[in-house]
C-alpha cells in the first residue's frame, strides 16, 4: 500500500502543470553578450570585437 501511494505521488508530481519558466529573451542575451565582449582580454584579435561579428555590441 505504501508503494502505491509513493507511485501515485510521483505520477501526480510528474503530470502537475508547472509554472512557465521565464527566460532571458533576446534582450537578456544581447546584454550578456555585450558585457562578455567588453570583458575580453586585450590580446584577442580585433575582428572578434567587430560590430558586424557581434551585432548586439554598441
Protein backbone atom coordinates (compact mmCIF):
# COMPACT_ATOMS: atom_id res chain seq x y z
CA UNK A 1 0.00 0.00 0.00
CA UNK A 2 2.83 2.37 0.85
CA UNK A 3 4.46 1.81 -2.55
CA UNK A 4 1.19 2.55 -4.29
CA UNK A 5 0.93 5.95 -2.56
CA UNK A 6 4.51 6.75 -3.48
CA UNK A 7 3.82 5.81 -7.10
CA UNK A 8 0.68 7.95 -7.16
CA UNK A 9 2.59 10.88 -5.65
CA UNK A 10 5.36 10.60 -8.25
CA UNK A 11 2.81 10.33 -11.07
CA UNK A 12 0.92 13.38 -9.80
CA UNK A 13 4.12 15.42 -9.46
CA UNK A 14 5.23 14.44 -12.97
CA UNK A 15 1.94 15.46 -14.55
CA UNK A 16 1.22 18.56 -12.42
CA UNK A 17 1.15 21.67 -14.62
CA UNK A 18 4.13 23.72 -13.54
CA UNK A 19 4.67 27.42 -13.89
CA UNK A 20 6.13 28.65 -17.11
CA UNK A 21 9.86 29.20 -16.88
CA UNK A 22 10.86 32.76 -17.56
CA UNK A 23 13.77 33.04 -19.96
CA UNK A 24 16.12 35.87 -20.71
CA UNK A 25 14.70 36.63 -24.12
CA UNK A 26 16.68 38.30 -26.89
CA UNK A 27 17.37 41.42 -24.83
CA UNK A 28 18.95 39.47 -21.98
CA UNK A 29 21.19 37.54 -24.37
CA UNK A 30 22.27 40.73 -26.13
CA UNK A 31 23.04 42.34 -22.77
CA UNK A 32 25.10 39.36 -21.58
CA UNK A 33 26.95 39.15 -24.91
CA UNK A 34 27.80 42.86 -24.77
CA UNK A 35 29.24 42.52 -21.27
CA UNK A 36 31.21 39.44 -22.29
CA UNK A 37 32.70 41.29 -25.28
CA UNK A 38 33.70 44.22 -23.07
CA UNK A 39 35.48 41.82 -20.68
CA UNK A 40 37.58 40.11 -23.38
CA UNK A 41 41.33 40.37 -22.83
CA UNK A 42 43.34 42.79 -24.98
CA UNK A 43 45.21 40.01 -26.79
CA UNK A 44 42.03 38.79 -28.52
CA UNK A 45 42.11 39.68 -32.25
CA UNK A 46 40.20 42.80 -33.26
CA UNK A 47 37.82 41.00 -35.63
CA UNK A 48 36.20 39.36 -32.59
CA UNK A 49 35.07 42.80 -31.39
CA UNK A 50 33.97 43.85 -34.88
CA UNK A 51 30.33 45.08 -34.75
CA UNK A 52 29.22 43.01 -37.78
CA UNK A 53 30.52 39.97 -35.92
CA UNK A 54 28.67 40.99 -32.76
CA UNK A 55 25.55 42.99 -33.67
CA UNK A 56 24.45 43.49 -30.07
CA UNK A 57 27.65 45.27 -29.09
CA UNK A 58 27.47 49.09 -29.19
